[in-house]
Every structure is written in C-alpha cells, then in structure tokens.
Amino acid sequence: MRSEELDSFVEVQQLVSGSSSVGQPLLVWQRVFTCWASVLDLSGNQYIASGATKNSIASSIKVRSDVRLSPAMRVINDDGSIYDIEAILKSKDRRWMTLMCKKGANDG
C-alpha cells in the first residue's frame, strides 16, 4: 500500500477507568494516538435489538503497524464515525495492520 492511499485521519481510543469530581467511578474513552488510515466499508447488516431496527457495517481500516493497537480499542474517523475493533490482521512484512471493525452496532 502506498502512503497516498491513507486518506482518512483517525483517532484510536481506549476505554479507561477514572472517577468523577464527587468520587463516582466512571469509564471514559481516551485518545491513544492519531494516524492516517484507509477506511473501507465492506458490508452492511440490519437487525432488531430491543424492539428497534439497527444497522451495522463491517469495515476494514488499514494503518501503519503500531504495537499499541488492541481489539479492546475503537477508532473515530475524521467524519465522526465510530468503529469498534473486532480483530487485527498483520501484513506479511509487518509494516501494515488491517483493523477489522464494526460500525453502527453500539457506537462506542
């Protein structure tokens, strides 16, 4: 993959625990890093959950290899779309990673 194909600026976030100003525990998404990526929507799905119709889209996000990435993270695209990472695939030369993601299922 050529670097000019990385046409989306994304933010990778992880869920961290903290506490509110009154000491209540809470979970918040915190930025780990930002990078350029290639985002491709692969297929869509529609299902019913809790009486409401929901849509989800399977997507792949290709980024340069980074050891900080894990399936417990999520990606925010520059258009505001939220992608939950389902799996991480490494290229043979270990220079690239393809993040297999789902968008729209729970939006973080």
Protein backbone atom coordinates (compact mmCIF):
# COMPACT_ATOMS: atom_id res chain seq x y z
CA MET A 1 0.00 0.00 0.00
CA ARG A 2 1.22 3.47 -0.87
CA SER A 3 1.04 6.25 1.70
CA GLU A 4 -1.13 8.41 -0.59
CA GLU A 5 -3.90 5.81 -0.19
CA LEU A 6 -4.12 6.73 3.50
CA ASP A 7 -6.80 9.36 3.01
CA SER A 8 -8.57 9.50 6.40
CA PHE A 9 -7.21 10.96 9.63
CA VAL A 10 -8.36 8.76 12.52
CA GLU A 11 -8.12 8.75 16.29
CA VAL A 12 -7.57 5.49 18.19
CA GLN A 13 -9.11 5.40 21.67
CA GLN A 14 -9.16 3.02 24.62
CA LEU A 15 -11.59 2.71 27.49
CA VAL A 16 -10.05 3.80 30.80
CA SER A 17 -11.49 3.93 34.29
CA GLY A 18 -11.49 7.10 36.31
CA SER A 19 -13.62 8.92 38.80
CA SER A 20 -15.92 11.90 38.68
CA SER A 21 -15.43 15.07 40.71
CA VAL A 22 -17.54 13.57 43.50
CA GLY A 23 -15.61 10.28 43.52
CA GLN A 24 -18.02 8.14 41.48
CA PRO A 25 -16.29 5.58 39.25
CA LEU A 26 -16.74 6.08 35.51
CA LEU A 27 -15.40 4.77 32.25
CA VAL A 28 -14.27 7.20 29.54
CA TRP A 29 -12.74 6.83 26.10
CA GLN A 30 -9.23 8.31 25.99
CA ARG A 31 -7.11 9.07 22.92
CA VAL A 32 -4.13 6.76 22.49
CA PHE A 33 -2.87 8.19 19.18
CA THR A 34 -3.92 9.65 15.83
CA CYS A 35 -2.77 8.50 12.41
CA TRP A 36 -3.59 8.38 8.71
CA ALA A 37 -5.62 5.40 7.54
CA SER A 38 -7.51 3.88 4.64
CA VAL A 39 -11.13 3.18 5.64
CA LEU A 40 -13.24 0.80 3.54
CA ASP A 41 -16.82 -0.26 4.29
CA LEU A 42 -17.21 -3.92 3.30
CA SER A 43 -20.81 -4.97 4.01
CA GLY A 44 -23.93 -3.92 5.87
CA ASN A 45 -26.30 -5.72 8.19
CA GLN A 46 -29.70 -4.89 9.64
CA TYR A 47 -31.10 -6.45 12.80
CA ILE A 48 -33.65 -5.85 15.54
CA ALA A 49 -32.44 -5.22 19.09
CA SER A 50 -34.66 -4.14 21.99
CA GLY A 51 -37.56 -3.57 19.60
CA ALA A 52 -35.65 -1.12 17.41
CA THR A 53 -34.13 -1.70 13.98
CA LYS A 54 -30.36 -1.20 13.97
CA ASN A 55 -27.80 -1.20 11.19
CA SER A 56 -24.18 -2.28 11.39
CA ILE A 57 -21.45 -2.06 8.80
CA ALA A 58 -18.40 -4.32 8.60
CA SER A 59 -15.36 -2.23 7.73
CA SER A 60 -11.62 -2.56 7.33
CA ILE A 61 -9.20 0.16 8.37
CA LYS A 62 -5.62 -0.11 7.17
CA VAL A 63 -2.93 1.68 9.20
CA ARG A 64 0.82 1.56 9.62
CA SER A 65 1.87 -1.08 12.15
CA ASP A 66 1.67 0.06 15.78
CA VAL A 67 2.25 -2.16 18.82
CA ARG A 68 -0.21 -0.13 20.93
CA LEU A 69 -3.25 -1.39 18.97
CA SER A 70 -5.56 -3.95 20.58
CA PRO A 71 -9.07 -5.29 19.84
CA ALA A 72 -10.34 -3.57 23.01
CA MET A 73 -9.92 -0.17 21.32
CA ARG A 74 -12.08 1.83 18.95
CA VAL A 75 -11.40 4.17 16.02
CA ILE A 76 -13.02 7.55 15.36
CA ASN A 77 -12.91 8.60 11.70
CA ASP A 78 -12.47 12.24 10.67
CA ASP A 79 -16.18 12.33 9.74
CA GLY A 80 -17.16 11.33 13.32
CA SER A 81 -17.93 7.67 12.58
CA ILE A 82 -17.14 5.27 15.43
CA TYR A 83 -15.64 1.85 14.62
CA ASP A 84 -15.31 -0.94 17.20
CA ILE A 85 -12.21 -3.05 16.51
CA GLU A 86 -13.13 -6.74 16.19
CA ALA A 87 -9.77 -8.16 15.04
CA ILE A 88 -6.30 -7.01 13.97
CA LEU A 89 -4.59 -8.61 10.97
CA LYS A 90 -0.88 -8.03 10.34
CA SER A 91 0.66 -7.94 6.88
CA LYS A 92 3.40 -10.42 5.97
CA ASP A 93 6.07 -7.74 6.09
CA ARG A 94 4.66 -6.40 9.43
CA ARG A 95 4.54 -2.83 8.06
CA TRP A 96 0.74 -2.62 7.92
CA MET A 97 -2.19 -3.66 10.07
CA THR A 98 -5.75 -4.16 8.92
CA LEU A 99 -8.32 -3.49 11.61
CA MET A 100 -11.50 -5.47 11.05
CA CYS A 101 -14.20 -3.27 12.56
CA LYS A 102 -17.92 -2.89 13.03
CA LYS A 103 -19.62 0.50 12.73
CA GLY A 104 -23.08 1.37 13.98
CA ALA A 105 -23.63 -1.63 16.25
CA ASN A 106 -23.25 0.25 19.50
CA ASP A 107 -21.29 3.40 18.62
CA GLY A 108 -18.82 3.02 21.41
